């Protein structure tokens, strides 16, 4: 499967992707996606055909991260697999860090990426891990508030 893309290229892609999120750079994040793009979790699925709608969704995600004090994103590529010429699957472990260097939240994501003219772009993300991580965090905060109210 010769496309010129190697595992190292996939790792560089996700390092840049993490940096774009850490900088809240919605435009840069958007440019790393090919449309149509499909992002799904256990309870939802969205197919983005329009760049503006994709960027609005990304801005909401960035606002959530900012609200929780994220200043750094760690992305570790756990696994890659070249499925077809220029098509890669990747599993990535994310950790959002606050200004004190402490983890706010962590999860795993699965992606499909496509290389066109030597440029990788994501086109599918399975976000079940992120969805579960945020639900757990929200539940912990709710339980802590309820306990304090006793």
Foldseek 3Di string as FASTA:
>chain_A
DDQPDDPVNVVVLVVVLQVCLLVVPLVSNLVQADPQAWEEAPVDIDGDRDSVVSSVVSNVVSVVLVVLAFNGKDKDWDDKDDPDRFKMKTKIKIFTAHPVRDTPWIWIKIWIWGDDPRRIHTRYIYCHGVVVGVVVVVVVVVVVVVVVVD
